[in-house]
Amino acid sequence: MKYLIVGLGNIGPEYRDTRHNIGFRVLDALARASNAVFEEARYGAISEIRLKGRGVILLKPNTYMNLSGKAVAYWVNKEKIALENILVIVDDLALPFASLRLRGKGSAGGHNGLKSINELLGTEGYARLRCGIGNEFGRGGQIDYVLGEWSEDESEKLPEILEQAGEIIKSFVIQGLARTMNSFNKRAEKPVKSDGE
């Protein structure tokens, strides 16, 4: 049984520490914890790990965000991944910073990466782990905020968030979607408190 875990982001050093690239960061942390490395392959960087005997392919598309579906569709077809074994990690403006929410399906919600995946897979019925990045920006500031770098305070909390996201991914592969949602969503939706709260 194979799983495809996709972290969304944009390639290039200028995007590495931006909020939009949290999907890449989650997979980097998971691979590092598993002593795995990424190698460049067709439409993205690939790493493979095993969890309780299950093969897990980690994919960071190199197509840029708005063409993410091209990479996902290619690897789904190449590795014959079942729809229920796909998990996409994505940044989400609608969730407070540090919130994590696992869902079994859903609309793109204005996210270009999800929009592309929905189009090329022909369905919205795949799991996604939504990573809250907050929405602390003024009118017309959305693009700059999403493509902006983490604040100092956010950067300090990031390792904890990446670790928790990794635990959710491992549980998704080993325990399945429903049990993982029950175990993690209530706990994971509570954002990390900032100083003074």
C-alpha atoms as a PDB file:
ATOM      1  CA  MET A   1       0.000   0.000   0.000  1.00  0.00           C
ATOM      2  CA  LYS A   2       1.441   3.359  -1.048  1.00  0.00           C
ATOM      3  CA  TYR A   3       0.696   6.867   0.144  1.00  0.00           C
ATOM      4  CA  LEU A   4       1.409  10.216  -1.485  1.00  0.00           C
ATOM      5  CA  ILE A   5       1.978  13.145   0.875  1.00  0.00           C
ATOM      6  CA  VAL A   6       2.208  16.457  -0.992  1.00  0.00           C
ATOM      7  CA  GLY A   7       3.545  19.656   0.553  1.00  0.00           C
ATOM      8  CA  LEU A   8       2.614  22.758  -1.420  1.00  0.00           C
ATOM      9  CA  GLY A   9       5.014  25.642  -1.928  1.00  0.00           C
ATOM     10  CA  ASN A  10       7.091  27.564  -4.451  1.00  0.00           C
ATOM     11  CA  ILE A  11      10.632  26.613  -5.422  1.00  0.00           C
ATOM     12  CA  GLY A  12      13.568  28.971  -5.015  1.00  0.00           C
ATOM     13  CA  PRO A  13      15.441  30.405  -2.016  1.00  0.00           C
ATOM     14  CA  GLU A  14      13.410  33.618  -2.111  1.00  0.00           C
ATOM     15  CA  TYR A  15      10.287  31.626  -1.136  1.00  0.00           C
ATOM     16  CA  ARG A  16      11.838  29.267   1.413  1.00  0.00           C
ATOM     17  CA  ASP A  17      10.798  31.125   4.579  1.00  0.00           C
ATOM     18  CA  THR A  18       7.462  32.453   3.333  1.00  0.00           C
ATOM     19  CA  ARG A  19       4.096  31.549   4.814  1.00  0.00           C
ATOM     20  CA  HIS A  20       2.954  30.098   1.476  1.00  0.00           C
ATOM     21  CA  ASN A  21       5.701  27.461   1.736  1.00  0.00           C
ATOM     22  CA  ILE A  22       4.645  25.802   4.965  1.00  0.00           C
ATOM     23  CA  GLY A  23       3.807  22.624   3.011  1.00  0.00           C
ATOM     24  CA  PHE A  24       7.444  22.324   1.934  1.00  0.00           C
ATOM     25  CA  ARG A  25       8.625  23.012   5.490  1.00  0.00           C
ATOM     26  CA  VAL A  26       6.390  20.287   6.960  1.00  0.00           C
ATOM     27  CA  LEU A  27       7.778  17.695   4.536  1.00  0.00           C
ATOM     28  CA  ASP A  28      11.372  18.849   5.088  1.00  0.00           C
ATOM     29  CA  ALA A  29      10.925  18.334   8.843  1.00  0.00           C
ATOM     30  CA  LEU A  30       9.287  14.925   8.391  1.00  0.00           C
ATOM     31  CA  ALA A  31      12.013  13.707   6.016  1.00  0.00           C
ATOM     32  CA  ARG A  32      14.739  14.981   8.358  1.00  0.00           C
ATOM     33  CA  ALA A  33      13.157  13.162  11.322  1.00  0.00           C
ATOM     34  CA  SER A  34      13.122   9.971   9.223  1.00  0.00           C
ATOM     35  CA  ASN A  35      16.734  10.399   8.011  1.00  0.00           C
ATOM     36  CA  ALA A  36      15.434  10.656   4.445  1.00  0.00           C
ATOM     37  CA  VAL A  37      16.610  13.040   1.735  1.00  0.00           C
ATOM     38  CA  PHE A  38      14.851  14.643  -1.210  1.00  0.00           C
ATOM     39  CA  GLU A  39      15.996  14.038  -4.776  1.00  0.00           C
ATOM     40  CA  GLU A  40      14.940  15.959  -7.852  1.00  0.00           C
ATOM     41  CA  ALA A  41      12.556  13.965 -10.046  1.00  0.00           C
ATOM     42  CA  ARG A  42       9.829  14.622 -12.620  1.00  0.00           C
ATOM     43  CA  TYR A  43       7.723  17.632 -11.605  1.00  0.00           C
ATOM     44  CA  GLY A  44       9.185  17.819  -8.100  1.00  0.00           C
ATOM     45  CA  ALA A  45      11.507  16.741  -5.334  1.00  0.00           C
ATOM     46  CA  ILE A  46      10.750  13.268  -3.989  1.00  0.00           C
ATOM     47  CA  SER A  47      11.647  11.436  -0.799  1.00  0.00           C
ATOM     48  CA  GLU A  48      10.445   8.021   0.345  1.00  0.00           C
ATOM     49  CA  ILE A  49       9.932   6.799   3.893  1.00  0.00           C
ATOM     50  CA  ARG A  50       8.293   3.751   5.440  1.00  0.00           C
ATOM     51  CA  LEU A  51       5.771   3.844   8.275  1.00  0.00           C
ATOM     52  CA  LYS A  52       4.700   0.508   9.794  1.00  0.00           C
ATOM     53  CA  GLY A  53       5.434  -1.278   6.529  1.00  0.00           C
ATOM     54  CA  ARG A  54       3.625   1.280   4.366  1.00  0.00           C
ATOM     55  CA  GLY A  55       5.471   3.052   1.575  1.00  0.00           C
ATOM     56  CA  VAL A  56       5.137   6.831   1.770  1.00  0.00           C
ATOM     57  CA  ILE A  57       6.174   9.141  -1.052  1.00  0.00           C
ATOM     58  CA  LEU A  58       6.797  12.760  -0.038  1.00  0.00           C
ATOM     59  CA  LEU A  59       6.401  15.208  -2.916  1.00  0.00           C
ATOM     60  CA  LYS A  60       7.370  18.885  -3.125  1.00  0.00           C
ATOM     61  CA  PRO A  61       6.153  20.021  -6.570  1.00  0.00           C
ATOM     62  CA  ASN A  62       8.592  22.165  -8.582  1.00  0.00           C
ATOM     63  CA  THR A  63       5.847  23.487 -10.869  1.00  0.00           C
ATOM     64  CA  TYR A  64       5.129  26.596  -8.761  1.00  0.00           C
ATOM     65  CA  MET A  65       1.951  26.789  -6.740  1.00  0.00           C
ATOM     66  CA  ASN A  66      -0.642  27.437  -9.453  1.00  0.00           C
ATOM     67  CA  LEU A  67       0.413  24.321 -11.419  1.00  0.00           C
ATOM     68  CA  SER A  68       0.696  21.953  -8.448  1.00  0.00           C
ATOM     69  CA  GLY A  69      -1.933  19.644  -9.938  1.00  0.00           C
ATOM     70  CA  LYS A  70       0.429  18.716 -12.773  1.00  0.00           C
ATOM     71  CA  ALA A  71       2.908  17.200 -10.309  1.00  0.00           C
ATOM     72  CA  VAL A  72       0.249  15.538  -8.155  1.00  0.00           C
ATOM     73  CA  ALA A  73      -1.571  13.946 -11.114  1.00  0.00           C
ATOM     74  CA  TYR A  74       1.706  12.650 -12.568  1.00  0.00           C
ATOM     75  CA  TRP A  75       2.791  10.922  -9.333  1.00  0.00           C
ATOM     76  CA  VAL A  76      -0.702   9.619  -8.542  1.00  0.00           C
ATOM     77  CA  ASN A  77      -0.796   7.937 -11.967  1.00  0.00           C
ATOM     78  CA  LYS A  78       2.826   6.784 -11.958  1.00  0.00           C
ATOM     79  CA  GLU A  79       2.627   5.168  -8.514  1.00  0.00           C
ATOM     80  CA  LYS A  80      -1.057   4.151  -8.815  1.00  0.00           C
ATOM     81  CA  ILE A  81      -1.985   5.917  -5.574  1.00  0.00           C
ATOM     82  CA  ALA A  82      -5.557   5.428  -4.353  1.00  0.00           C
ATOM     83  CA  LEU A  83      -7.480   8.670  -3.791  1.00  0.00           C
ATOM     84  CA  GLU A  84      -7.916   7.906  -0.082  1.00  0.00           C
ATOM     85  CA  ASN A  85      -4.122   7.612   0.283  1.00  0.00           C
ATOM     86  CA  ILE A  86      -3.396  11.172  -0.843  1.00  0.00           C
ATOM     87  CA  LEU A  87      -2.762  13.959   1.674  1.00  0.00           C
ATOM     88  CA  VAL A  88      -1.983  17.549   0.660  1.00  0.00           C
ATOM     89  CA  ILE A  89      -0.426  20.011   3.129  1.00  0.00           C
ATOM     90  CA  VAL A  90      -1.435  23.589   2.467  1.00  0.00           C
ATOM     91  CA  ASP A  91      -1.314  27.059   4.056  1.00  0.00           C
ATOM     92  CA  ASP A  92      -4.666  28.529   5.102  1.00  0.00           C
ATOM     93  CA  LEU A  93      -5.490  32.204   5.701  1.00  0.00           C
ATOM     94  CA  ALA A  94      -8.855  31.307   7.254  1.00  0.00           C
ATOM     95  CA  LEU A  95      -7.234  29.571  10.244  1.00  0.00           C
ATOM     96  CA  PRO A  96      -5.373  31.353  13.051  1.00  0.00           C
ATOM     97  CA  PHE A  97      -1.601  31.000  13.001  1.00  0.00           C
ATOM     98  CA  ALA A  98      -0.473  27.633  14.438  1.00  0.00           C
ATOM     99  CA  SER A  99      -3.871  25.965  13.977  1.00  0.00           C
ATOM    100  CA  LEU A 100      -3.865  22.656  12.123  1.00  0.00           C
ATOM    101  CA  ARG A 101      -6.989  21.067  10.686  1.00  0.00           C
ATOM    102  CA  LEU A 102      -7.286  17.757   8.841  1.00  0.00           C
ATOM    103  CA  ARG A 103     -10.139  17.363   6.363  1.00  0.00           C
ATOM    104  CA  GLY A 104     -11.165  14.510   4.071  1.00  0.00           C
ATOM    105  CA  LYS A 105     -12.287  16.765   1.214  1.00  0.00           C
ATOM    106  CA  GLY A 106     -13.254  20.342   0.458  1.00  0.00           C
ATOM    107  CA  SER A 107     -13.199  23.200  -1.988  1.00  0.00           C
ATOM    108  CA  ALA A 108     -10.058  25.073  -2.984  1.00  0.00           C
ATOM    109  CA  GLY A 109     -11.171  28.053  -0.894  1.00  0.00           C
ATOM    110  CA  GLY A 110      -9.366  30.439  -3.256  1.00  0.00           C
ATOM    111  CA  HIS A 111      -6.038  28.570  -2.912  1.00  0.00           C
ATOM    112  CA  ASN A 112      -4.380  28.294  -6.340  1.00  0.00           C
ATOM    113  CA  GLY A 113      -2.496  25.104  -5.474  1.00  0.00           C
ATOM    114  CA  LEU A 114      -5.659  23.266  -4.420  1.00  0.00           C
ATOM    115  CA  LYS A 115      -7.518  24.698  -7.416  1.00  0.00           C
ATOM    116  CA  SER A 116      -4.944  23.174  -9.770  1.00  0.00           C
ATOM    117  CA  ILE A 117      -5.029  19.800  -7.977  1.00  0.00           C
ATOM    118  CA  ASN A 118      -8.848  19.706  -8.027  1.00  0.00           C
ATOM    119  CA  GLU A 119      -8.840  20.423 -11.756  1.00  0.00           C
ATOM    120  CA  LEU A 120      -6.276  17.808 -12.731  1.00  0.00           C
ATOM    121  CA  LEU A 121      -7.472  15.065 -10.382  1.00  0.00           C
ATOM    122  CA  GLY A 122     -11.078  15.862 -11.322  1.00  0.00           C
ATOM    123  CA  THR A 123     -12.194  15.720  -7.687  1.00  0.00           C
ATOM    124  CA  GLU A 124     -12.099  17.551  -4.354  1.00  0.00           C
ATOM    125  CA  GLY A 125     -12.326  14.235  -2.505  1.00  0.00           C
ATOM    126  CA  TYR A 126      -8.782  13.910  -1.174  1.00  0.00           C
ATOM    127  CA  ALA A 127      -7.480  14.677   2.315  1.00  0.00           C
ATOM    128  CA  ARG A 128      -5.746  17.924   3.111  1.00  0.00           C
ATOM    129  CA  LEU A 129      -3.959  19.199   6.192  1.00  0.00           C
ATOM    130  CA  ARG A 130      -4.650  22.916   6.467  1.00  0.00           C
ATOM    131  CA  CYS A 131      -1.974  24.880   8.306  1.00  0.00           C
ATOM    132  CA  GLY A 132      -3.191  28.183   9.688  1.00  0.00           C
ATOM    133  CA  ILE A 133      -1.075  31.205   8.829  1.00  0.00           C
ATOM    134  CA  GLY A 134      -3.518  33.834  10.156  1.00  0.00           C
ATOM    135  CA  ASN A 135      -4.659  36.933   8.292  1.00  0.00           C
ATOM    136  CA  GLU A 136      -2.851  39.818   9.924  1.00  0.00           C
ATOM    137  CA  PHE A 137      -2.876  42.138   6.933  1.00  0.00           C
ATOM    138  CA  GLY A 138      -4.707  45.253   5.840  1.00  0.00           C
ATOM    139  CA  ARG A 139      -6.907  45.767   2.819  1.00  0.00           C
ATOM    140  CA  GLY A 140      -5.141  44.695  -0.374  1.00  0.00           C
ATOM    141  CA  GLY A 141      -2.233  43.183   1.551  1.00  0.00           C
ATOM    142  CA  GLN A 142      -3.067  39.494   1.119  1.00  0.00           C
ATOM    143  CA  ILE A 143      -0.452  38.610  -1.513  1.00  0.00           C
ATOM    144  CA  ASP A 144       2.362  40.384   0.334  1.00  0.00           C
ATOM    145  CA  TYR A 145       1.323  38.665   3.564  1.00  0.00           C
ATOM    146  CA  VAL A 146       1.126  35.156   2.070  1.00  0.00           C
ATOM    147  CA  LEU A 147       4.432  35.580   0.229  1.00  0.00           C
ATOM    148  CA  GLY A 148       6.008  37.365   3.183  1.00  0.00           C
ATOM    149  CA  GLU A 149       8.442  35.775   5.608  1.00  0.00           C
ATOM    150  CA  TRP A 150       7.478  34.573   9.074  1.00  0.00           C
ATOM    151  CA  SER A 151       7.732  37.104  11.881  1.00  0.00           C
ATOM    152  CA  GLU A 152      10.296  36.478  14.615  1.00  0.00           C
ATOM    153  CA  ASP A 153       7.566  35.302  16.993  1.00  0.00           C
ATOM    154  CA  GLU A 154       6.107  32.948  14.374  1.00  0.00           C
ATOM    155  CA  SER A 155       9.547  31.556  13.520  1.00  0.00           C
ATOM    156  CA  GLU A 156      10.085  30.613  17.161  1.00  0.00           C
ATOM    157  CA  LYS A 157       6.844  28.614  17.235  1.00  0.00           C
ATOM    158  CA  LEU A 158       7.330  26.996  13.815  1.00  0.00           C
ATOM    159  CA  PRO A 159       9.343  23.915  14.927  1.00  0.00           C
ATOM    160  CA  GLU A 160       6.535  22.882  17.292  1.00  0.00           C
ATOM    161  CA  ILE A 161       3.948  23.290  14.519  1.00  0.00           C
ATOM    162  CA  LEU A 162       6.040  21.319  12.022  1.00  0.00           C
ATOM    163  CA  GLU A 163       6.499  18.512  14.534  1.00  0.00           C
ATOM    164  CA  GLN A 164       2.770  18.326  15.250  1.00  0.00           C
ATOM    165  CA  ALA A 165       1.981  18.326  11.518  1.00  0.00           C
ATOM    166  CA  GLY A 166       4.413  15.418  11.133  1.00  0.00           C
ATOM    167  CA  GLU A 167       2.579  13.474  13.857  1.00  0.00           C
ATOM    168  CA  ILE A 168      -0.725  14.054  12.047  1.00  0.00           C
ATOM    169  CA  ILE A 169       0.764  12.789   8.763  1.00  0.00           C
ATOM    170  CA  LYS A 170       2.136   9.645  10.436  1.00  0.00           C
ATOM    171  CA  SER A 171      -1.224   8.980  12.078  1.00  0.00           C
ATOM    172  CA  PHE A 172      -3.036   9.495   8.743  1.00  0.00           C
ATOM    173  CA  VAL A 173      -0.868   6.792   7.166  1.00  0.00           C
ATOM    174  CA  ILE A 174      -0.983   4.342  10.088  1.00  0.00           C
ATOM    175  CA  GLN A 175      -4.429   4.928  11.647  1.00  0.00           C
ATOM    176  CA  GLY A 176      -6.417   6.354   8.740  1.00  0.00           C
ATOM    177  CA  LEU A 177      -8.254   9.614   8.139  1.00  0.00           C
ATOM    178  CA  ALA A 178     -11.241   9.239  10.488  1.00  0.00           C
ATOM    179  CA  ARG A 179      -9.274   8.192  13.563  1.00  0.00           C
ATOM    180  CA  THR A 180      -6.660  10.864  12.942  1.00  0.00           C
ATOM    181  CA  MET A 181      -9.298  13.588  12.609  1.00  0.00           C
ATOM    182  CA  ASN A 182     -10.876  12.452  15.878  1.00  0.00           C
ATOM    183  CA  SER A 183      -7.530  12.354  17.672  1.00  0.00           C
ATOM    184  CA  PHE A 184      -5.949  15.559  16.423  1.00  0.00           C
ATOM    185  CA  ASN A 185      -8.455  18.116  15.184  1.00  0.00           C
ATOM    186  CA  LYS A 186      -9.743  19.416  18.527  1.00  0.00           C
ATOM    187  CA  ARG A 187      -6.265  19.501  20.002  1.00  0.00           C
ATOM    188  CA  ALA A 188      -4.595  20.833  16.852  1.00  0.00           C
ATOM    189  CA  GLU A 189      -7.113  23.616  16.253  1.00  0.00           C
ATOM    190  CA  LYS A 190      -6.033  25.378  19.449  1.00  0.00           C
ATOM    191  CA  PRO A 191      -3.431  27.895  18.309  1.00  0.00           C
ATOM    192  CA  VAL A 192      -0.190  28.297  20.203  1.00  0.00           C
ATOM    193  CA  LYS A 193      -0.709  31.206  22.596  1.00  0.00           C
ATOM    194  CA  SER A 194       1.354  34.292  22.026  1.00  0.00           C
ATOM    195  CA  ASP A 195       2.994  36.178  24.875  1.00  0.00           C
ATOM    196  CA  GLY A 196       0.591  38.067  27.093  1.00  0.00           C
ATOM    197  CA  GLU A 197      -2.440  35.899  26.355  1.00  0.00           C
END
